[in-house]
Amino acid sequence: MEQIDVSNPVQVEKVERYCTLANVYYSLEKKVNSKNILTEIKNGSQKYIKTNPAVSEMAKINAQMINLSKDMGLSAPPPGVKALAEAGYKESDLI
């Protein structure tokens, strides 16, 4: 909250939404572990295996959290970007 204008209701709402999404993500993460990524479905005489629906929901929530953090200006560059910038490589090194 130190990085936003707390008198701006839009910014406060974005932070609250981000926190809510994080809570939902972590509760789904507790339900999904290495043993139940795939789930068995029984439909009458049919029996098949499919991905746990919580996994796709986690991916959607993660995307929303990333978009919100970008919108709030809190995103960090992808891992390795800083290391490449500090490595001193030039475009001519690729030739």
PDB file of N, CA and C in Angstrom:
ATOM      1  N   MET A   1       0.819  -1.190   0.000  1.00  0.00           N
ATOM      2  CA  MET A   1       0.000   0.000   0.000  1.00  0.00           C
ATOM      3  C   MET A   1       0.864   1.256   0.000  1.00  0.00           C
ATOM      4  N   GLU A   2       2.145   1.107   0.334  1.00  0.00           N
ATOM      5  CA  GLU A   2       3.034   2.266   0.352  1.00  0.00           C
ATOM      6  C   GLU A   2       3.315   2.779  -1.056  1.00  0.00           C
ATOM      7  N   GLN A   3       3.148   1.906  -2.061  1.00  0.00           N
ATOM      8  CA  GLN A   3       3.486   2.276  -3.430  1.00  0.00           C
ATOM      9  C   GLN A   3       2.314   2.862  -4.206  1.00  0.00           C
ATOM     10  N   ILE A   4       1.152   2.971  -3.583  1.00  0.00           N
ATOM     11  CA  ILE A   4      -0.009   3.527  -4.283  1.00  0.00           C
ATOM     12  C   ILE A   4      -0.539   4.739  -3.530  1.00  0.00           C
ATOM     13  N   ASP A   5      -1.392   5.468  -4.212  1.00  0.00           N
ATOM     14  CA  ASP A   5      -2.074   6.613  -3.605  1.00  0.00           C
ATOM     15  C   ASP A   5      -3.325   6.078  -2.903  1.00  0.00           C
ATOM     16  N   VAL A   6      -3.285   5.983  -1.571  1.00  0.00           N
ATOM     17  CA  VAL A   6      -4.403   5.397  -0.825  1.00  0.00           C
ATOM     18  C   VAL A   6      -5.668   6.246  -0.883  1.00  0.00           C
ATOM     19  N   SER A   7      -5.554   7.480  -1.336  1.00  0.00           N
ATOM     20  CA  SER A   7      -6.753   8.308  -1.489  1.00  0.00           C
ATOM     21  C   SER A   7      -7.434   8.063  -2.838  1.00  0.00           C
ATOM     22  N   ASN A   8      -6.790   7.282  -3.712  1.00  0.00           N
ATOM     23  CA  ASN A   8      -7.358   6.954  -5.012  1.00  0.00           C
ATOM     24  C   ASN A   8      -8.110   5.621  -4.893  1.00  0.00           C
ATOM     25  N   PRO A   9      -9.450   5.649  -4.955  1.00  0.00           N
ATOM     26  CA  PRO A   9     -10.225   4.419  -4.757  1.00  0.00           C
ATOM     27  C   PRO A   9      -9.962   3.349  -5.820  1.00  0.00           C
ATOM     28  N   VAL A  10      -9.605   3.756  -7.020  1.00  0.00           N
ATOM     29  CA  VAL A  10      -9.326   2.782  -8.083  1.00  0.00           C
ATOM     30  C   VAL A  10      -8.071   1.984  -7.745  1.00  0.00           C
ATOM     31  N   GLN A  11      -7.028   2.676  -7.301  1.00  0.00           N
ATOM     32  CA  GLN A  11      -5.792   1.985  -6.946  1.00  0.00           C
ATOM     33  C   GLN A  11      -5.991   1.078  -5.734  1.00  0.00           C
ATOM     34  N   VAL A  12      -6.735   1.543  -4.755  1.00  0.00           N
ATOM     35  CA  VAL A  12      -7.006   0.726  -3.565  1.00  0.00           C
ATOM     36  C   VAL A  12      -7.793  -0.520  -3.961  1.00  0.00           C
ATOM     37  N   GLU A  13      -8.777  -0.350  -4.848  1.00  0.00           N
ATOM     38  CA  GLU A  13      -9.588  -1.485  -5.294  1.00  0.00           C
ATOM     39  C   GLU A  13      -8.730  -2.502  -6.039  1.00  0.00           C
ATOM     40  N   LYS A  14      -7.758  -2.054  -6.825  1.00  0.00           N
ATOM     41  CA  LYS A  14      -6.867  -2.972  -7.547  1.00  0.00           C
ATOM     42  C   LYS A  14      -6.033  -3.791  -6.574  1.00  0.00           C
ATOM     43  N   VAL A  15      -5.537  -3.152  -5.534  1.00  0.00           N
ATOM     44  CA  VAL A  15      -4.744  -3.866  -4.530  1.00  0.00           C
ATOM     45  C   VAL A  15      -5.618  -4.891  -3.808  1.00  0.00           C
ATOM     46  N   GLU A  16      -6.833  -4.497  -3.451  1.00  0.00           N
ATOM     47  CA  GLU A  16      -7.742  -5.424  -2.773  1.00  0.00           C
ATOM     48  C   GLU A  16      -8.094  -6.600  -3.680  1.00  0.00           C
ATOM     49  N   ARG A  17      -8.313  -6.327  -4.961  1.00  0.00           N
ATOM     50  CA  ARG A  17      -8.625  -7.393  -5.915  1.00  0.00           C
ATOM     51  C   ARG A  17      -7.437  -8.344  -6.052  1.00  0.00           C
ATOM     52  N   TYR A  18      -6.226  -7.779  -6.098  1.00  0.00           N
ATOM     53  CA  TYR A  18      -5.019  -8.597  -6.196  1.00  0.00           C
ATOM     54  C   TYR A  18      -4.902  -9.518  -4.974  1.00  0.00           C
ATOM     55  N   CYS A  19      -5.150  -8.972  -3.794  1.00  0.00           N
ATOM     56  CA  CYS A  19      -5.070  -9.767  -2.557  1.00  0.00           C
ATOM     57  C   CYS A  19      -6.118 -10.874  -2.549  1.00  0.00           C
ATOM     58  N   THR A  20      -7.316 -10.571  -3.020  1.00  0.00           N
ATOM     59  CA  THR A  20      -8.372 -11.577  -3.098  1.00  0.00           C
ATOM     60  C   THR A  20      -7.980 -12.691  -4.059  1.00  0.00           C
ATOM     61  N   LEU A  21      -7.449 -12.315  -5.225  1.00  0.00           N
ATOM     62  CA  LEU A  21      -7.003 -13.317  -6.191  1.00  0.00           C
ATOM     63  C   LEU A  21      -5.886 -14.179  -5.615  1.00  0.00           C
ATOM     64  N   ALA A  22      -4.979 -13.558  -4.879  1.00  0.00           N
ATOM     65  CA  ALA A  22      -3.882 -14.310  -4.266  1.00  0.00           C
ATOM     66  C   ALA A  22      -4.427 -15.325  -3.264  1.00  0.00           C
ATOM     67  N   ASN A  23      -5.403 -14.922  -2.462  1.00  0.00           N
ATOM     68  CA  ASN A  23      -6.006 -15.848  -1.498  1.00  0.00           C
ATOM     69  C   ASN A  23      -6.684 -17.021  -2.197  1.00  0.00           C
ATOM     70  N   VAL A  24      -7.404 -16.739  -3.281  1.00  0.00           N
ATOM     71  CA  VAL A  24      -8.069 -17.806  -4.032  1.00  0.00           C
ATOM     72  C   VAL A  24      -7.022 -18.734  -4.643  1.00  0.00           C
ATOM     73  N   TYR A  25      -5.969 -18.151  -5.206  1.00  0.00           N
ATOM     74  CA  TYR A  25      -4.903 -18.949  -5.815  1.00  0.00           C
ATOM     75  C   TYR A  25      -4.281 -19.893  -4.786  1.00  0.00           C
ATOM     76  N   TYR A  26      -3.961 -19.369  -3.617  1.00  0.00           N
ATOM     77  CA  TYR A  26      -3.322 -20.199  -2.592  1.00  0.00           C
ATOM     78  C   TYR A  26      -4.260 -21.273  -2.053  1.00  0.00           C
ATOM     79  N   SER A  27      -5.547 -20.989  -1.975  1.00  0.00           N
ATOM     80  CA  SER A  27      -6.481 -22.026  -1.524  1.00  0.00           C
ATOM     81  C   SER A  27      -6.598 -23.131  -2.576  1.00  0.00           C
ATOM     82  N   LEU A  28      -6.582 -22.765  -3.860  1.00  0.00           N
ATOM     83  CA  LEU A  28      -6.587 -23.780  -4.916  1.00  0.00           C
ATOM     84  C   LEU A  28      -5.291 -24.582  -4.897  1.00  0.00           C
ATOM     85  N   GLU A  29      -4.198 -23.897  -4.638  1.00  0.00           N
ATOM     86  CA  GLU A  29      -2.895 -24.561  -4.611  1.00  0.00           C
ATOM     87  C   GLU A  29      -2.852 -25.627  -3.510  1.00  0.00           C
ATOM     88  N   LYS A  30      -3.506 -25.358  -2.386  1.00  0.00           N
ATOM     89  CA  LYS A  30      -3.563 -26.346  -1.303  1.00  0.00           C
ATOM     90  C   LYS A  30      -4.353 -27.583  -1.725  1.00  0.00           C
ATOM     91  N   LYS A  31      -5.382 -27.368  -2.556  1.00  0.00           N
ATOM     92  CA  LYS A  31      -6.223 -28.483  -2.996  1.00  0.00           C
ATOM     93  C   LYS A  31      -5.540 -29.323  -4.074  1.00  0.00           C
ATOM     94  N   VAL A  32      -4.694 -28.689  -4.873  1.00  0.00           N
ATOM     95  CA  VAL A  32      -4.018 -29.379  -5.964  1.00  0.00           C
ATOM     96  C   VAL A  32      -2.602 -29.702  -5.510  1.00  0.00           C
ATOM     97  N   ASN A  33      -2.275 -30.971  -5.530  1.00  0.00           N
ATOM     98  CA  ASN A  33      -0.905 -31.365  -5.246  1.00  0.00           C
ATOM     99  C   ASN A  33      -0.475 -32.373  -6.301  1.00  0.00           C
ATOM    100  N   SER A  34       0.721 -32.898  -6.187  1.00  0.00           N
ATOM    101  CA  SER A  34       1.235 -33.796  -7.221  1.00  0.00           C
ATOM    102  C   SER A  34       0.390 -35.062  -7.371  1.00  0.00           C
ATOM    103  N   LYS A  35      -0.382 -35.403  -6.360  1.00  0.00           N
ATOM    104  CA  LYS A  35      -1.179 -36.628  -6.427  1.00  0.00           C
ATOM    105  C   LYS A  35      -2.529 -36.431  -7.114  1.00  0.00           C
ATOM    106  N   ASN A  36      -3.012 -35.205  -7.199  1.00  0.00           N
ATOM    107  CA  ASN A  36      -4.342 -35.025  -7.792  1.00  0.00           C
ATOM    108  C   ASN A  36      -4.369 -33.990  -8.911  1.00  0.00           C
ATOM    109  N   ILE A  37      -3.296 -33.918  -9.685  1.00  0.00           N
ATOM    110  CA  ILE A  37      -3.313 -33.060 -10.871  1.00  0.00           C
ATOM    111  C   ILE A  37      -4.270 -33.657 -11.897  1.00  0.00           C
ATOM    112  N   LEU A  38      -4.265 -34.977 -11.988  1.00  0.00           N
ATOM    113  CA  LEU A  38      -5.222 -35.673 -12.841  1.00  0.00           C
ATOM    114  C   LEU A  38      -6.304 -36.263 -11.951  1.00  0.00           C
ATOM    115  N   THR A  39      -7.525 -36.224 -12.438  1.00  0.00           N
ATOM    116  CA  THR A  39      -8.639 -36.746 -11.647  1.00  0.00           C
ATOM    117  C   THR A  39      -9.435 -37.751 -12.480  1.00  0.00           C
ATOM    118  N   GLU A  40      -9.914 -38.790 -11.840  1.00  0.00           N
ATOM    119  CA  GLU A  40     -10.677 -39.823 -12.531  1.00  0.00           C
ATOM    120  C   GLU A  40     -12.161 -39.469 -12.490  1.00  0.00           C
ATOM    121  N   ILE A  41     -12.785 -39.521 -13.649  1.00  0.00           N
ATOM    122  CA  ILE A  41     -14.204 -39.199 -13.786  1.00  0.00           C
ATOM    123  C   ILE A  41     -14.967 -40.489 -14.085  1.00  0.00           C
ATOM    124  N   LYS A  42     -16.032 -40.720 -13.333  1.00  0.00           N
ATOM    125  CA  LYS A  42     -16.894 -41.877 -13.578  1.00  0.00           C
ATOM    126  C   LYS A  42     -18.260 -41.351 -13.985  1.00  0.00           C
ATOM    127  N   ASN A  43     -18.677 -41.724 -15.197  1.00  0.00           N
ATOM    128  CA  ASN A  43     -19.955 -41.279 -15.741  1.00  0.00           C
ATOM    129  C   ASN A  43     -20.711 -42.519 -16.215  1.00  0.00           C
ATOM    130  N   GLY A  44     -21.514 -43.063 -15.337  1.00  0.00           N
ATOM    131  CA  GLY A  44     -22.218 -44.304 -15.682  1.00  0.00           C
ATOM    132  C   GLY A  44     -21.214 -45.423 -15.868  1.00  0.00           C
ATOM    133  N   SER A  45     -21.213 -46.020 -17.053  1.00  0.00           N
ATOM    134  CA  SER A  45     -20.270 -47.106 -17.330  1.00  0.00           C
ATOM    135  C   SER A  45     -18.930 -46.573 -17.835  1.00  0.00           C
ATOM    136  N   GLN A  46     -18.877 -45.295 -18.144  1.00  0.00           N
ATOM    137  CA  GLN A  46     -17.634 -44.700 -18.641  1.00  0.00           C
ATOM    138  C   GLN A  46     -16.734 -44.291 -17.486  1.00  0.00           C
ATOM    139  N   LYS A  47     -15.452 -44.413 -17.738  1.00  0.00           N
ATOM    140  CA  LYS A  47     -14.468 -43.996 -16.745  1.00  0.00           C
ATOM    141  C   LYS A  47     -13.279 -43.418 -17.514  1.00  0.00           C
ATOM    142  N   TYR A  48     -12.909 -42.184 -17.197  1.00  0.00           N
ATOM    143  CA  TYR A  48     -11.786 -41.569 -17.887  1.00  0.00           C
ATOM    144  C   TYR A  48     -11.058 -40.622 -16.950  1.00  0.00           C
ATOM    145  N   ILE A  49      -9.870 -40.217 -17.379  1.00  0.00           N
ATOM    146  CA  ILE A  49      -9.028 -39.334 -16.569  1.00  0.00           C
ATOM    147  C   ILE A  49      -8.904 -37.995 -17.286  1.00  0.00           C
ATOM    148  N   LYS A  50      -9.034 -36.926 -16.523  1.00  0.00           N
ATOM    149  CA  LYS A  50      -8.846 -35.590 -17.087  1.00  0.00           C
ATOM    150  C   LYS A  50      -8.103 -34.724 -16.076  1.00  0.00           C
ATOM    151  N   THR A  51      -7.634 -33.589 -16.551  1.00  0.00           N
ATOM    152  CA  THR A  51      -6.911 -32.666 -15.684  1.00  0.00           C
ATOM    153  C   THR A  51      -7.856 -32.081 -14.647  1.00  0.00           C
ATOM    154  N   ASN A  52      -7.356 -31.939 -13.440  1.00  0.00           N
ATOM    155  CA  ASN A  52      -8.125 -31.317 -12.364  1.00  0.00           C
ATOM    156  C   ASN A  52      -8.511 -29.901 -12.804  1.00  0.00           C
ATOM    157  N   PRO A  53      -9.788 -29.544 -12.788  1.00  0.00           N
ATOM    158  CA  PRO A  53     -10.220 -28.211 -13.226  1.00  0.00           C
ATOM    159  C   PRO A  53      -9.569 -27.070 -12.444  1.00  0.00           C
ATOM    160  N   ALA A  54      -9.132 -27.340 -11.231  1.00  0.00           N
ATOM    161  CA  ALA A  54      -8.490 -26.299 -10.422  1.00  0.00           C
ATOM    162  C   ALA A  54      -7.174 -25.843 -11.043  1.00  0.00           C
ATOM    163  N   VAL A  55      -6.519 -26.728 -11.800  1.00  0.00           N
ATOM    164  CA  VAL A  55      -5.245 -26.364 -12.425  1.00  0.00           C
ATOM    165  C   VAL A  55      -5.459 -25.259 -13.454  1.00  0.00           C
ATOM    166  N   SER A  56      -6.493 -25.392 -14.289  1.00  0.00           N
ATOM    167  CA  SER A  56      -6.751 -24.347 -15.287  1.00  0.00           C
ATOM    168  C   SER A  56      -7.232 -23.060 -14.619  1.00  0.00           C
ATOM    169  N   GLU A  57      -7.979 -23.187 -13.534  1.00  0.00           N
ATOM    170  CA  GLU A  57      -8.406 -21.989 -12.799  1.00  0.00           C
ATOM    171  C   GLU A  57      -7.205 -21.266 -12.197  1.00  0.00           C
ATOM    172  N   MET A  58      -6.233 -22.031 -11.709  1.00  0.00           N
ATOM    173  CA  MET A  58      -5.020 -21.418 -11.163  1.00  0.00           C
ATOM    174  C   MET A  58      -4.282 -20.633 -12.246  1.00  0.00           C
ATOM    175  N   ALA A  59      -4.230 -21.187 -13.457  1.00  0.00           N
ATOM    176  CA  ALA A  59      -3.561 -20.493 -14.561  1.00  0.00           C
ATOM    177  C   ALA A  59      -4.284 -19.192 -14.903  1.00  0.00           C
ATOM    178  N   LYS A  60      -5.608 -19.224 -14.912  1.00  0.00           N
ATOM    179  CA  LYS A  60      -6.387 -18.009 -15.199  1.00  0.00           C
ATOM    180  C   LYS A  60      -6.170 -16.947 -14.123  1.00  0.00           C
ATOM    181  N   ILE A  61      -6.189 -17.374 -12.868  1.00  0.00           N
ATOM    182  CA  ILE A  61      -5.982 -16.433 -11.759  1.00  0.00           C
ATOM    183  C   ILE A  61      -4.583 -15.852 -11.819  1.00  0.00           C
ATOM    184  N   ASN A  62      -3.602 -16.694 -12.143  1.00  0.00           N
ATOM    185  CA  ASN A  62      -2.228 -16.222 -12.260  1.00  0.00           C
ATOM    186  C   ASN A  62      -2.114 -15.147 -13.340  1.00  0.00           C
ATOM    187  N   ALA A  63      -2.767 -15.359 -14.471  1.00  0.00           N
ATOM    188  CA  ALA A  63      -2.741 -14.364 -15.551  1.00  0.00           C
ATOM    189  C   ALA A  63      -3.385 -13.054 -15.099  1.00  0.00           C
ATOM    190  N   GLN A  64      -4.482 -13.145 -14.369  1.00  0.00           N
ATOM    191  CA  GLN A  64      -5.136 -11.936 -13.860  1.00  0.00           C
ATOM    192  C   GLN A  64      -4.237 -11.194 -12.879  1.00  0.00           C
ATOM    193  N   MET A  65      -3.537 -11.951 -12.039  1.00  0.00           N
ATOM    194  CA  MET A  65      -2.639 -11.323 -11.067  1.00  0.00           C
ATOM    195  C   MET A  65      -1.476 -10.624 -11.768  1.00  0.00           C
ATOM    196  N   ILE A  66      -0.947 -11.255 -12.810  1.00  0.00           N
ATOM    197  CA  ILE A  66       0.144 -10.643 -13.571  1.00  0.00           C
ATOM    198  C   ILE A  66      -0.334  -9.353 -14.223  1.00  0.00           C
ATOM    199  N   ASN A  67      -1.521  -9.385 -14.835  1.00  0.00           N
ATOM    200  CA  ASN A  67      -2.059  -8.181 -15.475  1.00  0.00           C
ATOM    201  C   ASN A  67      -2.303  -7.060 -14.468  1.00  0.00           C
ATOM    202  N   LEU A  68      -2.833  -7.411 -13.307  1.00  0.00           N
ATOM    203  CA  LEU A  68      -3.061  -6.391 -12.276  1.00  0.00           C
ATOM    204  C   LEU A  68      -1.744  -5.795 -11.792  1.00  0.00           C
ATOM    205  N   SER A  69      -0.739  -6.639 -11.596  1.00  0.00           N
ATOM    206  CA  SER A  69       0.543  -6.121 -11.112  1.00  0.00           C
ATOM    207  C   SER A  69       1.188  -5.217 -12.161  1.00  0.00           C
ATOM    208  N   LYS A  70       1.033  -5.562 -13.444  1.00  0.00           N
ATOM    209  CA  LYS A  70       1.548  -4.686 -14.509  1.00  0.00           C
ATOM    210  C   LYS A  70       0.802  -3.358 -14.497  1.00  0.00           C
ATOM    211  N   ASP A  71      -0.514  -3.435 -14.336  1.00  0.00           N
ATOM    212  CA  ASP A  71      -1.352  -2.238 -14.324  1.00  0.00           C
ATOM    213  C   ASP A  71      -0.992  -1.312 -13.164  1.00  0.00           C
ATOM    214  N   MET A  72      -0.573  -1.910 -12.055  1.00  0.00           N
ATOM    215  CA  MET A  72      -0.197  -1.118 -10.884  1.00  0.00           C
ATOM    216  C   MET A  72       1.269  -0.700 -10.924  1.00  0.00           C
ATOM    217  N   GLY A  73       1.996  -1.151 -11.958  1.00  0.00           N
ATOM    218  CA  GLY A  73       3.407  -0.796 -12.080  1.00  0.00           C
ATOM    219  C   GLY A  73       4.302  -1.559 -11.128  1.00  0.00           C
ATOM    220  N   LEU A  74       3.882  -2.747 -10.726  1.00  0.00           N
ATOM    221  CA  LEU A  74       4.645  -3.525  -9.755  1.00  0.00           C
ATOM    222  C   LEU A  74       5.388  -4.696 -10.382  1.00  0.00           C
ATOM    223  N   SER A  75       5.300  -4.845 -11.694  1.00  0.00           N
ATOM    224  CA  SER A  75       5.916  -5.995 -12.337  1.00  0.00           C
ATOM    225  C   SER A  75       7.422  -5.857 -12.398  1.00  0.00           C
ATOM    226  N   ALA A  76       8.067  -6.962 -12.173  1.00  0.00           N
ATOM    227  CA  ALA A  76       9.517  -7.024 -12.317  1.00  0.00           C
ATOM    228  C   ALA A  76       9.823  -7.569 -13.706  1.00  0.00           C
ATOM    229  N   PRO A  77      10.986  -7.252 -14.248  1.00  0.00           N
ATOM    230  CA  PRO A  77      11.336  -7.826 -15.546  1.00  0.00           C
ATOM    231  C   PRO A  77      11.500  -9.337 -15.417  1.00  0.00           C
ATOM    232  N   PRO A  78      11.373 -10.063 -16.518  1.00  0.00           N
ATOM    233  CA  PRO A  78      11.530 -11.513 -16.450  1.00  0.00           C
ATOM    234  C   PRO A  78      12.904 -11.886 -15.903  1.00  0.00           C
ATOM    235  N   PRO A  79      13.022 -13.047 -15.270  1.00  0.00           N
ATOM    236  CA  PRO A  79      14.312 -13.460 -14.723  1.00  0.00           C
ATOM    237  C   PRO A  79      15.378 -13.499 -15.810  1.00  0.00           C
ATOM    238  N   GLY A  80      16.535 -13.025 -15.501  1.00  0.00           N
ATOM    239  CA  GLY A  80      17.645 -13.065 -16.441  1.00  0.00           C
ATOM    240  C   GLY A  80      17.827 -11.803 -17.256  1.00  0.00           C
ATOM    241  N   VAL A  81      16.836 -10.942 -17.327  1.00  0.00           N
ATOM    242  CA  VAL A  81      16.953  -9.725 -18.131  1.00  0.00           C
ATOM    243  C   VAL A  81      18.053  -8.831 -17.577  1.00  0.00           C
ATOM    244  N   LYS A  82      18.073  -8.657 -16.279  1.00  0.00           N
ATOM    245  CA  LYS A  82      19.092  -7.816 -15.657  1.00  0.00           C
ATOM    246  C   LYS A  82      20.472  -8.429 -15.856  1.00  0.00           C
ATOM    247  N   ALA A  83      20.569  -9.743 -15.715  1.00  0.00           N
ATOM    248  CA  ALA A  83      21.859 -10.417 -15.885  1.00  0.00           C
ATOM    249  C   ALA A  83      22.380 -10.241 -17.302  1.00  0.00           C
ATOM    250  N   LEU A  84      21.499 -10.339 -18.291  1.00  0.00           N
ATOM    251  CA  LEU A  84      21.924 -10.148 -19.681  1.00  0.00           C
ATOM    252  C   LEU A  84      22.366  -8.716 -19.925  1.00  0.00           C
ATOM    253  N   ALA A  85      21.653  -7.771 -19.351  1.00  0.00           N
ATOM    254  CA  ALA A  85      22.000  -6.363 -19.538  1.00  0.00           C
ATOM    255  C   ALA A  85      23.357  -6.055 -18.920  1.00  0.00           C
ATOM    256  N   GLU A  86      23.659  -6.697 -17.804  1.00  0.00           N
ATOM    257  CA  GLU A  86      24.923  -6.443 -17.121  1.00  0.00           C
ATOM    258  C   GLU A  86      26.068  -7.272 -17.679  1.00  0.00           C
ATOM    259  N   ALA A  87      25.776  -8.247 -18.538  1.00  0.00           N
ATOM    260  CA  ALA A  87      26.813  -9.126 -19.071  1.00  0.00           C
ATOM    261  C   ALA A  87      27.706  -8.410 -20.076  1.00  0.00           C
ATOM    262  N   GLY A  88      27.215  -7.326 -20.650  1.00  0.00           N
ATOM    263  CA  GLY A  88      28.026  -6.563 -21.589  1.00  0.00           C
ATOM    264  C   GLY A  88      28.007  -7.106 -23.006  1.00  0.00           C
ATOM    265  N   TYR A  89      27.042  -7.969 -23.321  1.00  0.00           N
ATOM    266  CA  TYR A  89      26.948  -8.487 -24.680  1.00  0.00           C
ATOM    267  C   TYR A  89      26.488  -7.390 -25.623  1.00  0.00           C
ATOM    268  N   LYS A  90      26.968  -7.490 -26.872  1.00  0.00           N
ATOM    269  CA  LYS A  90      26.558  -6.548 -27.908  1.00  0.00           C
ATOM    270  C   LYS A  90      25.872  -7.317 -29.023  1.00  0.00           C
ATOM    271  N   GLU A  91      25.125  -6.601 -29.843  1.00  0.00           N
ATOM    272  CA  GLU A  91      24.445  -7.221 -30.968  1.00  0.00           C
ATOM    273  C   GLU A  91      25.450  -7.847 -31.926  1.00  0.00           C
ATOM    274  N   SER A  92      26.600  -7.243 -32.065  1.00  0.00           N
ATOM    275  CA  SER A  92      27.623  -7.758 -32.981  1.00  0.00           C
ATOM    276  C   SER A  92      28.196  -9.096 -32.515  1.00  0.00           C
ATOM    277  N   ASP A  93      27.990  -9.463 -31.256  1.00  0.00           N
ATOM    278  CA  ASP A  93      28.469 -10.751 -30.753  1.00  0.00           C
ATOM    279  C   ASP A  93      27.736 -11.919 -31.409  1.00  0.00           C
ATOM    280  N   LEU A  94      26.563 -11.661 -31.965  1.00  0.00           N
ATOM    281  CA  LEU A  94      25.772 -12.717 -32.581  1.00  0.00           C
ATOM    282  C   LEU A  94      26.244 -13.057 -33.987  1.00  0.00           C
ATOM    283  N   ILE A  95      27.074 -12.241 -34.571  1.00  0.00           N
ATOM    284  CA  ILE A  95      27.528 -12.465 -35.951  1.00  0.00           C
ATOM    285  C   ILE A  95      28.730 -13.367 -35.980  1.00  0.00           C
TER     286      ILE A  95
END
